[in-house]
Protein backbone atom coordinates (compact mmCIF):
# COMPACT_ATOMS: atom_id res chain seq x y z
CA MET A 1 -0.04 0.05 -0.19
CA LYS A 2 3.22 2.45 0.91
CA GLN A 3 4.58 1.75 -2.68
CA LEU A 4 1.38 2.42 -4.32
CA PHE A 5 0.70 5.91 -2.11
CA LEU A 6 4.38 6.45 -3.48
CA PHE A 7 3.81 5.77 -6.92
CA LEU A 8 0.38 8.23 -7.12
CA ALA A 9 2.36 10.95 -5.35
CA LEU A 10 5.05 10.70 -8.00
CA ALA A 11 2.57 10.74 -10.54
CA VAL A 12 0.94 13.84 -9.10
CA THR A 13 4.24 15.47 -8.94
CA LEU A 14 5.28 14.91 -12.83
CA ALA A 15 1.73 16.40 -13.61
CA ALA A 16 2.44 19.61 -11.65
CA CYS A 17 5.65 19.74 -13.40
CA GLN A 18 4.19 19.21 -16.81
CA GLU A 19 1.59 21.98 -16.23
CA LYS A 20 4.44 24.55 -15.14
CA ASN A 21 6.24 23.65 -18.55
CA ASP A 22 3.25 24.19 -20.39
CA GLN A 23 3.12 27.42 -19.14
CA GLN A 24 6.63 28.25 -20.23
CA SER A 25 7.38 30.16 -23.25
CA MET A 26 8.43 28.15 -26.51
CA SER A 27 11.04 30.88 -27.31
CA GLU A 28 12.85 30.03 -23.92
CA PRO A 29 16.13 28.81 -24.80
CA ILE A 30 17.36 24.97 -23.66
CA ARG A 31 20.39 24.15 -22.19
CA PHE A 32 21.81 22.12 -25.07
CA PRO A 33 25.41 22.34 -26.24
CA GLU A 34 25.98 24.19 -29.64
CA MET A 35 26.94 21.44 -31.94
CA GLU A 36 29.15 21.28 -35.08
CA GLU A 37 28.74 18.96 -38.01
CA THR A 38 31.26 16.45 -39.86
CA GLN A 39 30.74 14.02 -42.74
CA ILE A 40 32.84 10.90 -41.73
CA THR A 41 32.35 8.71 -45.00
CA PHE A 42 32.79 9.91 -48.61
CA GLU A 43 32.76 6.63 -50.96
CA GLU A 44 30.31 6.52 -54.07
CA SER A 45 28.63 3.93 -52.22
CA GLY A 46 25.57 3.48 -49.63
CA HIS A 47 26.05 3.71 -46.02
CA PHE A 48 23.03 2.95 -44.61
CA ILE A 49 22.19 3.77 -40.55
CA HIS A 50 19.67 1.64 -39.06
CA THR A 51 17.19 3.41 -36.46
CA THR A 52 18.95 2.37 -33.31
CA GLN A 53 22.22 1.20 -31.73
CA GLN A 54 24.49 2.36 -34.36
CA PHE A 55 27.31 3.18 -31.82
CA SER A 56 30.03 0.51 -30.70
CA PRO A 57 29.91 0.38 -26.59
CA ASP A 58 33.05 2.83 -26.49
CA ASP A 59 31.39 5.23 -28.97
CA GLN A 60 34.38 4.94 -31.35
CA TRP A 61 32.86 3.01 -34.18
CA ILE A 62 29.54 3.48 -36.34
CA VAL A 63 28.09 0.53 -38.04
CA TYR A 64 25.91 0.64 -41.12
CA ASP A 65 25.18 -1.66 -44.06
CA THR A 66 26.06 -0.44 -47.89
CA ARG A 67 22.26 -0.15 -49.01
CA ASN A 68 21.81 3.22 -50.91
CA GLU A 69 17.75 2.64 -50.60
CA ASP A 70 15.86 1.61 -47.89
CA PRO A 71 14.05 -1.24 -49.40
CA HIS A 72 16.88 -3.06 -51.19
CA ILE A 73 18.25 -5.24 -48.50
CA SER A 74 17.71 -8.41 -50.86
CA ARG A 75 20.67 -6.85 -53.14
CA THR A 76 22.90 -5.51 -50.35
CA CYS A 77 26.14 -7.16 -49.94
CA CYS A 78 28.09 -6.14 -47.09
CA ILE A 79 28.14 -4.83 -43.42
CA GLU A 80 30.75 -2.27 -42.43
CA MET A 81 31.82 0.31 -39.80
CA VAL A 82 33.48 3.31 -39.50
CA ASN A 83 35.74 5.04 -37.26
CA VAL A 84 34.39 8.40 -35.49
CA ALA A 85 37.71 9.92 -35.15
CA SER A 86 40.08 8.84 -38.18
CA GLY A 87 37.18 7.70 -40.81
CA GLU A 88 38.80 4.29 -41.11
CA ILE A 89 36.52 1.76 -42.67
CA ARG A 90 36.46 -1.74 -41.92
CA ARG A 91 34.24 -4.44 -43.71
CA LEU A 92 32.79 -6.78 -41.21
CA TYR A 93 30.77 -9.32 -43.45
CA GLN A 94 30.36 -9.78 -47.23
CA THR A 95 27.81 -12.18 -48.39
CA ALA A 96 28.56 -15.14 -50.77
CA ASN A 97 27.06 -15.28 -54.20
CA GLN A 98 25.10 -12.20 -53.77
CA THR A 99 22.37 -11.48 -56.72
CA ASN A 100 19.36 -9.05 -56.65
CA PHE A 101 17.15 -11.75 -55.41
CA GLY A 102 19.46 -12.40 -52.19
CA PRO A 103 20.68 -13.45 -49.87
CA GLY A 104 20.99 -9.33 -48.82
CA VAL A 105 22.26 -8.12 -45.50
CA GLY A 106 21.00 -4.84 -43.68
CA GLY A 107 19.45 -3.10 -40.60
CA VAL A 108 22.61 -3.64 -38.54
CA THR A 109 22.62 -2.88 -34.61
CA PHE A 110 25.59 -2.57 -32.03
CA ASN A 111 25.32 -4.98 -29.04
CA PRO A 112 25.42 -2.23 -26.31
CA ARG A 113 27.85 -4.16 -23.92
CA GLU A 114 30.41 -5.96 -26.49
CA HIS A 115 31.99 -5.40 -29.62
CA SER A 116 29.47 -7.70 -31.93
CA VAL A 117 26.90 -6.43 -34.42
CA LEU A 118 23.67 -7.92 -35.27
CA PHE A 119 21.82 -7.88 -38.65
CA ILE A 120 19.31 -9.21 -40.94
CA HIS A 121 20.43 -11.79 -43.44
CA GLY A 122 18.34 -13.46 -46.18
CA LEU A 123 18.62 -17.17 -46.36
CA GLN A 124 21.89 -18.52 -48.13
CA ASN A 125 19.71 -20.61 -50.52
CA CYS A 126 18.12 -17.33 -52.00
CA ASP A 127 17.48 -17.17 -55.75
CA SER A 128 15.06 -16.31 -58.50
CA LEU A 129 12.53 -18.97 -57.63
CA ARG A 130 13.07 -18.53 -53.98
CA PRO A 131 13.98 -14.91 -53.60
CA TYR A 132 14.70 -12.91 -49.90
CA ASP A 133 11.38 -12.02 -48.52
CA PHE A 134 9.82 -11.21 -45.08
CA SER A 135 9.63 -14.72 -44.34
CA ARG A 136 12.81 -16.01 -45.60
CA ARG A 137 15.33 -14.33 -43.55
CA THR A 138 17.19 -14.47 -40.09
CA GLY A 139 19.36 -12.60 -37.52
CA VAL A 140 23.20 -13.05 -38.02
CA ARG A 141 25.64 -11.86 -35.49
CA ILE A 142 29.41 -10.81 -36.05
CA ARG A 143 32.07 -10.30 -33.48
CA THR A 144 34.08 -7.30 -35.02
CA GLU A 145 37.37 -8.77 -34.19
CA GLU A 146 36.28 -12.02 -36.18
CA PRO A 147 34.89 -10.59 -39.58
CA GLN A 148 33.15 -12.93 -41.94
CA LYS A 149 32.39 -15.70 -39.24
CA PRO A 150 28.35 -15.52 -38.96
CA ILE A 151 26.82 -16.70 -35.95
CA PHE A 152 23.25 -17.70 -36.63
CA MET A 153 21.14 -16.31 -33.84
CA ASP A 154 17.50 -17.67 -34.37
CA GLY A 155 16.99 -21.25 -35.42
CA ARG A 156 14.53 -22.26 -38.44
CA ASP A 157 12.56 -25.26 -38.91
CA VAL A 158 9.82 -25.24 -41.69
CA GLN A 159 9.44 -29.15 -41.71
CA PRO A 160 6.82 -30.79 -38.92
CA PRO A 161 7.28 -31.52 -36.33
CA PHE A 162 8.51 -27.96 -35.62
CA THR A 163 11.20 -27.42 -33.03
CA PRO A 164 10.46 -25.31 -29.80
CA GLY A 165 12.90 -22.51 -29.80
CA ALA A 166 13.20 -22.44 -33.55
CA LEU A 167 11.04 -20.13 -35.80
CA ARG A 168 9.51 -20.73 -39.02
CA GLY A 169 9.81 -17.60 -41.04
CA GLY A 170 11.99 -14.64 -41.09
CA THR A 171 13.16 -11.85 -38.23
CA HIS A 172 13.68 -8.47 -38.77
CA ALA A 173 14.61 -5.08 -37.39
CA HIS A 174 16.54 -6.63 -34.22
CA THR A 175 17.24 -4.48 -31.38
CA TRP A 176 19.20 -5.61 -28.21
CA SER A 177 18.14 -5.24 -24.70
CA ALA A 178 19.98 -2.71 -22.66
CA ASP A 179 22.19 -5.83 -20.80
CA GLY A 180 22.86 -6.89 -24.59
CA GLN A 181 21.54 -10.34 -23.68
CA TRP A 182 18.08 -10.54 -25.43
CA VAL A 183 16.96 -9.43 -28.80
CA SER A 184 13.41 -8.36 -29.78
CA PHE A 185 12.33 -8.42 -33.54
CA THR A 186 9.49 -8.45 -35.69
CA TYR A 187 8.70 -11.78 -37.36
CA ASN A 188 6.83 -13.34 -40.60
CA ASP A 189 5.72 -16.95 -40.77
CA ASP A 190 6.86 -18.83 -44.00
CA VAL A 191 4.49 -22.20 -42.98
CA LEU A 192 1.46 -19.78 -43.07
CA VAL A 193 2.62 -18.02 -46.12
CA GLU A 194 2.43 -21.43 -47.98
CA LEU A 195 -0.63 -22.36 -46.17
CA ALA A 196 -2.54 -19.11 -47.38
CA LYS A 197 -1.91 -20.11 -50.90
CA THR A 198 -3.96 -23.36 -50.68
CA PRO A 199 -7.59 -23.21 -51.52
CA ASN A 200 -9.96 -22.16 -49.02
CA ALA A 201 -7.25 -21.25 -46.53
CA SER A 202 -8.51 -19.34 -43.51
CA VAL A 203 -5.16 -18.04 -42.27
CA LYS A 204 -2.87 -15.35 -43.13
CA ASP A 205 0.76 -14.62 -42.52
CA LEU A 206 0.45 -11.68 -40.10
CA ARG A 207 3.27 -9.63 -38.65
CA MET A 208 4.19 -10.43 -35.08
CA VAL A 209 6.73 -9.46 -32.54
CA GLY A 210 9.14 -11.83 -30.87
CA VAL A 211 11.99 -12.20 -28.60
CA MET A 212 15.46 -14.45 -28.80
CA ALA A 213 17.21 -15.03 -25.32
CA PRO A 214 20.08 -16.80 -24.03
CA LEU A 215 18.59 -19.92 -23.28
CA GLY A 216 20.00 -21.95 -26.60
CA PRO A 217 21.40 -23.02 -28.60
CA VAL A 218 18.62 -24.78 -30.38
CA SER A 219 19.33 -27.59 -32.71
CA VAL A 220 17.22 -28.19 -35.82
CA ALA A 221 16.70 -31.21 -38.29
CA GLN A 222 18.39 -30.16 -41.45
CA ASP A 223 18.49 -31.34 -44.92
CA ASP A 224 19.84 -30.27 -48.14
CA SER A 225 17.47 -27.63 -48.93
CA GLY A 226 19.02 -24.89 -46.66
CA GLU A 227 15.76 -24.00 -45.29
CA ASN A 228 16.57 -24.99 -41.80
CA PHE A 229 19.44 -24.51 -39.64
CA ASP A 230 20.27 -24.03 -35.91
CA GLY A 231 20.31 -20.96 -33.69
CA GLN A 232 22.40 -19.65 -30.68
CA LEU A 233 19.37 -18.01 -28.83
CA PHE A 234 16.00 -19.43 -28.22
CA SER A 235 13.27 -17.68 -30.10
CA VAL A 236 9.52 -17.35 -29.66
CA VAL A 237 6.59 -15.22 -30.66
CA VAL A 238 5.32 -12.99 -27.74
CA THR A 239 2.53 -11.07 -29.29
CA GLU A 240 -1.13 -12.82 -30.39
CA VAL A 241 -2.56 -11.72 -33.18
CA VAL A 242 -5.91 -12.71 -35.25
CA GLU A 243 -7.20 -12.73 -38.87
CA ALA A 244 -10.39 -10.50 -38.19
CA PRO A 245 -10.07 -8.40 -35.37
CA GLU A 246 -13.39 -7.85 -33.91
CA PRO A 247 -14.49 -4.02 -34.11
CA GLY A 248 -14.19 -2.09 -31.12
CA SER A 249 -12.04 -4.70 -29.22
CA ASP A 250 -8.46 -5.07 -28.55
CA GLN A 251 -7.64 -7.76 -30.70
CA ILE A 252 -4.97 -6.83 -33.48
CA ASP A 253 -4.04 -8.56 -36.85
CA ARG A 254 -0.43 -6.95 -36.81
CA ALA A 255 2.29 -6.10 -34.48
CA TYR A 256 5.16 -4.28 -35.37
CA GLU A 257 7.64 -1.13 -34.64
CA ASP A 258 8.70 -2.85 -31.31
CA GLY A 259 11.06 -1.47 -28.55
CA TRP A 260 12.34 -2.50 -25.28
CA ILE A 261 10.87 -0.90 -22.38
CA GLY A 262 13.31 0.65 -19.94
CA ASP A 263 16.86 -0.31 -19.46
CA ASN A 264 15.53 -2.80 -16.51
CA GLY A 265 11.92 -3.02 -17.54
CA TYR A 266 9.46 -0.64 -15.82
CA LEU A 267 7.58 -0.25 -12.30
CA LYS A 268 3.96 -1.83 -12.00
CA THR A 269 1.25 0.29 -10.03
CA ASP A 270 1.73 -2.25 -7.23
CA GLY A 271 5.30 -1.51 -7.16
CA SER A 272 6.73 -4.61 -8.46
CA ARG A 273 9.16 -4.42 -11.38
CA GLN A 274 8.31 -6.01 -14.66
CA LYS A 275 12.04 -6.71 -15.67
CA ARG A 276 11.44 -7.55 -19.64
CA ALA A 277 8.44 -5.76 -21.54
CA ILE A 278 8.03 -4.46 -25.12
CA ALA A 279 6.17 -1.79 -26.62
CA PHE A 280 4.87 -2.11 -30.05
CA LEU A 281 2.28 -0.79 -32.50
CA GLY A 282 -0.82 -2.88 -33.09
CA ASP A 283 -3.61 -2.66 -35.59
CA VAL A 284 -7.07 -2.71 -34.09
CA ARG A 285 -10.49 -1.86 -35.78
CA ASP A 286 -12.59 0.95 -34.30
CA ASP A 287 -16.22 0.62 -33.81
CA GLN A 288 -16.74 1.26 -37.88
CA GLY A 289 -14.41 -1.43 -38.37
CA GLN A 290 -11.63 1.30 -39.60
CA VAL A 291 -7.98 0.27 -38.82
CA LEU A 292 -6.20 2.16 -36.09
CA SER A 293 -2.87 1.94 -34.84
CA GLU A 294 -2.35 1.75 -31.22
CA VAL A 295 0.26 1.51 -28.52
CA PHE A 296 0.37 -2.00 -26.88
CA VAL A 297 2.73 -3.44 -24.28
CA VAL A 298 3.69 -7.30 -23.70
CA ASP A 299 5.10 -8.48 -20.48
CA VAL A 300 7.64 -11.08 -21.19
CA PRO A 301 8.34 -13.61 -18.26
CA ASP A 302 11.95 -14.84 -17.65
CA ASP A 303 11.24 -18.37 -18.91
CA ILE A 304 9.88 -18.30 -22.53
CA THR A 305 10.42 -22.00 -22.93
CA ALA A 306 7.15 -23.26 -21.66
CA ALA A 307 3.59 -23.13 -23.36
CA GLU A 308 0.32 -22.59 -22.47
CA ALA A 309 -1.92 -25.81 -22.79
CA GLY A 310 -3.00 -26.22 -26.33
CA LYS A 311 -0.79 -23.18 -27.60
CA PRO A 312 2.26 -24.66 -28.79
CA ILE A 313 5.16 -22.07 -29.08
CA GLU A 314 6.58 -23.66 -32.34
CA GLY A 315 3.20 -23.79 -33.72
CA THR A 316 1.49 -26.46 -35.93
CA ASN A 317 1.15 -27.20 -39.67
CA MET A 318 -2.37 -25.18 -39.35
CA THR A 319 -1.63 -22.49 -36.73
CA ARG A 320 0.96 -20.05 -36.13
CA PRO A 321 3.43 -19.90 -33.01
CA MET A 322 1.91 -18.74 -29.84
CA PRO A 323 3.28 -16.82 -26.92
CA PRO A 324 5.08 -18.77 -23.89
CA ALA A 325 2.83 -19.32 -20.93
CA GLY A 326 3.26 -16.18 -18.60
CA THR A 327 2.79 -13.55 -21.36
CA THR A 328 0.81 -10.61 -21.07
CA GLN A 329 -0.35 -8.20 -23.98
CA ARG A 330 -2.17 -5.06 -23.01
CA ARG A 331 -3.26 -2.02 -25.13
CA LEU A 332 -2.20 1.13 -23.65
CA THR A 333 -3.67 3.97 -26.09
CA PHE A 334 -7.29 4.53 -27.04
CA THR A 335 -7.36 7.28 -29.54
CA GLY A 336 -10.37 6.69 -31.43
CA LYS A 337 -12.20 9.79 -30.50
CA ARG A 338 -9.36 12.06 -31.20
CA ARG A 339 -9.70 14.50 -34.31
CA HIS A 340 -6.66 12.58 -35.82
CA PRO A 341 -6.90 9.19 -34.23
CA GLY A 342 -4.47 6.50 -34.08
CA VAL A 343 -0.55 6.46 -34.14
CA GLN A 344 0.58 8.41 -37.11
CA GLY A 345 3.43 10.16 -38.86
CA PRO A 346 6.67 8.57 -40.39
CA ARG A 347 7.64 5.01 -39.82
CA HIS A 348 9.15 4.86 -36.31
CA TRP A 349 10.06 2.37 -33.91
CA LEU A 350 8.53 2.88 -30.45
CA ARG A 351 11.07 4.14 -27.76
CA SER A 352 10.91 4.40 -23.88
CA SER A 353 12.76 6.34 -20.99
CA PRO A 354 15.62 4.38 -19.56
CA ASP A 355 13.60 4.33 -16.24
CA GLY A 356 10.64 2.66 -18.25
CA SER A 357 8.25 5.28 -17.01
CA VAL A 358 7.07 6.59 -20.43
CA VAL A 359 6.62 4.93 -23.72
CA PHE A 360 7.19 7.57 -26.73
CA PHE A 361 5.24 7.44 -30.03
CA MET A 362 4.29 9.60 -32.84
CA MET A 363 0.66 10.97 -33.49
CA LYS A 364 -0.98 13.88 -35.05
CA ASP A 365 -1.82 16.85 -32.85
CA GLU A 366 -5.43 18.50 -33.11
CA GLY A 367 -3.79 20.85 -35.95
CA GLY A 368 -2.45 17.87 -38.02
CA ILE A 369 1.01 18.46 -37.14
CA VAL A 370 3.06 15.14 -36.07
CA GLN A 371 4.36 15.34 -32.68
CA ILE A 372 5.91 12.90 -30.05
CA TYR A 373 3.73 11.79 -27.18
CA GLY A 374 4.22 9.81 -24.36
CA VAL A 375 2.18 7.23 -22.03
CA SER A 376 2.92 5.32 -19.16
CA PRO A 377 3.38 1.43 -19.71
CA ASN A 378 0.74 1.06 -17.22
CA GLY A 379 -1.80 3.07 -19.34
CA GLY A 380 -3.55 6.37 -18.38
CA GLU A 381 -3.36 9.49 -19.87
CA ILE A 382 -1.38 10.46 -22.79
CA GLN A 383 0.89 13.45 -22.68
CA GLN A 384 2.03 15.64 -25.68
CA ILE A 385 5.74 16.16 -25.51
CA THR A 386 6.99 17.93 -28.48
CA LYS A 387 5.31 21.15 -29.39
CA ASN A 388 6.55 22.29 -32.75
CA ASP A 389 5.08 24.06 -35.64
CA PHE A 390 6.41 21.48 -37.75
CA SER A 391 5.73 17.82 -38.31
CA ILE A 392 8.64 15.49 -37.68
CA ALA A 393 9.61 13.72 -40.54
CA THR A 394 11.70 10.94 -39.18
CA SER A 395 12.05 8.07 -36.91
CA PHE A 396 13.19 9.26 -32.94
CA ASN A 397 15.51 8.36 -30.45
CA VAL A 398 15.75 8.92 -26.46
CA SER A 399 19.14 10.21 -24.87
CA PRO A 400 20.80 7.77 -22.80
CA ASP A 401 20.11 9.98 -19.52
CA GLY A 402 16.37 10.33 -20.60
CA LYS A 403 16.41 13.94 -21.03
CA TRP A 404 16.39 14.53 -24.71
CA LEU A 405 14.52 13.27 -27.94
CA CYS A 406 16.22 13.72 -31.23
CA TYR A 407 14.38 13.32 -34.76
CA GLY A 408 14.65 15.24 -37.90
CA SER A 409 12.30 17.72 -39.96
CA GLN A 410 12.94 19.43 -43.10
CA GLU A 411 16.38 17.99 -43.64
CA ARG A 412 17.43 19.38 -40.03
CA VAL A 413 18.13 17.78 -37.02
CA PHE A 414 16.21 19.08 -33.80
CA VAL A 415 16.12 17.81 -30.05
CA THR A 416 13.67 18.44 -27.57
CA GLU A 417 13.83 18.30 -23.88
CA ILE A 418 11.43 16.19 -22.29
CA SER A 419 10.53 17.86 -19.22
CA SER A 420 9.65 20.96 -21.09
CA GLY A 421 8.71 20.16 -24.76
CA LEU A 422 11.16 23.02 -25.94
CA SER A 423 12.99 22.01 -28.97
CA LYS A 424 16.12 23.54 -30.60
CA GLN A 425 17.59 22.85 -34.18
CA VAL A 426 21.22 21.43 -33.66
CA SER A 427 22.23 20.72 -37.25
CA PRO A 428 23.10 23.54 -39.65
CA ASP A 429 20.88 24.28 -42.82
CA PRO A 430 21.62 21.76 -45.21
CA SER A 431 23.09 22.47 -48.60
CA GLU A 432 21.26 22.01 -51.80
CA LYS A 433 23.17 18.91 -52.52
CA PHE A 434 21.73 17.36 -49.29
CA SER A 435 18.76 15.35 -49.00
CA ALA A 436 17.13 12.14 -47.42
CA LEU A 437 17.69 12.97 -43.87
CA GLN A 438 17.19 9.55 -41.88
CA GLY A 439 18.73 7.25 -39.52
CA ILE A 440 19.26 9.67 -36.29
CA ASN A 441 20.90 8.13 -33.52
CA TRP A 442 22.60 8.92 -29.93
CA SER A 443 25.97 8.20 -29.02
CA ASN A 444 26.28 5.96 -25.81
CA ASP A 445 27.39 8.86 -23.87
CA GLY A 446 24.91 10.88 -25.10
CA LYS A 447 27.56 13.63 -26.47
CA MET A 448 27.19 12.92 -30.06
CA ILE A 449 24.28 12.39 -32.87
CA VAL A 450 24.92 10.29 -36.14
CA TYR A 451 22.54 10.41 -39.00
CA ASN A 452 22.31 9.83 -42.62
CA ARG A 453 22.07 12.48 -45.54
CA LYS A 454 22.29 11.63 -49.25
CA VAL A 455 25.19 13.71 -50.87
CA GLU A 456 25.24 14.08 -54.52
CA THR A 457 28.35 13.29 -55.87
CA GLY A 458 29.57 12.95 -59.56
CA GLY A 459 26.02 13.18 -60.71
CA ALA A 460 24.76 10.43 -58.43
CA ALA A 461 23.35 10.69 -54.64
CA TYR A 462 24.63 8.48 -52.04
CA TYR A 463 24.02 7.77 -48.20
CA GLN A 464 26.72 8.94 -46.28
CA VAL A 465 27.18 9.14 -42.55
CA PHE A 466 27.37 12.61 -40.74
CA LEU A 467 28.01 13.38 -37.15
CA LEU A 468 26.87 15.99 -34.74
CA LYS A 469 29.25 16.82 -31.60
CA PRO A 470 29.65 19.83 -29.39
CA LYS A 471 31.47 22.57 -30.90
CA GLY A 472 35.52 22.62 -29.86
CA SER A 473 35.55 19.29 -28.79
CA SER A 474 37.29 16.44 -29.79
CA VAL A 475 37.05 12.80 -30.72
CA ASP A 476 39.54 10.19 -29.28
């Protein structure tokens, strides 16, 4: 009871602070250092930054894939990293027998605790008949001191009887937990892709969210097809989706754009701590049957190996994999009555404060401007964070100290102080040869911001890596 009282008192205090901040003038300056911009890659090729975890743990390296267009993972060969201080480039991985049909690599992130990276890898047997696709990819890890030595993280088994701890499709957009031990991802199921092609099929491949945990390795029966392989981690789906959500209900037919909540989970209203939880977007149907994207949370148990009765985590030849026992899925936002209902804006993955007290997402304000909002993982009132007179145009990230948001608009990088909602442009106005700002990330120490711009070079435009750091500072 005492813990509940303290929680409610904290909520009242935060609300009072928010009211005070809302009364401040938006012209009031915020205490964020003046920054200078440096371009650190120059080759006439792509240097594509993912949406999160781009810096090595010591902030000396930035990792990227060699795409020059967002959708082109299938034709992308390589994972590289560039040194922040010297501009030295090291190739960490290159696919074998790369074609426009695969295998392809991309979406690479650094482990926050050790010098290894994780990325999407198309199946090694990809060809024109079986190309790279949503359900034909996996997560591969490379230790930076051991280039070209892939570690396959999620096992794959598409032949019944299926293997608990392995999946039957493709994982995507991998994100490390703060301790560098677990991984969240989105998932599409290849068994259901094929089943949906059969006459009178009642099931569909619906996107889901899953996790990998250090409870493996997982061994899978293999053949010469290249479709099945072992995994280093134990992998499961943690969200539940249905083919036809009931209007007005919390049922969803798509779970996506996931993000871990907190560096160590979040505090529940009863004072207990939920150690592992993931925020994600889920597509519901309003009372009129229209699709709305809303914010959901799934609480993940420590043991993900046990199944609920009648709901196998590995799935069957007629059903999708199911969440493990102890998994709890909840809806956090109910925006159907707003002037602009549902989560809206550019594609973005949900983020949280380091202490797990707030889940951040984008939505249009009453004037139709895309802003960042926040909601407690316990649910409740939605708070508007940014109060800009322009729409945010890129994904966003939260600073490691939990005080700032970074994002882009109009080819410029902005930061917003979370406590006040005040914003500041921190990059210079772009030159005419710059375009396609994206991938804005904080360094681990919170002192630098990295991002992509396309730069015209020799009559073509290539994604290059840019860095913002405090004026007058040096990068060792």
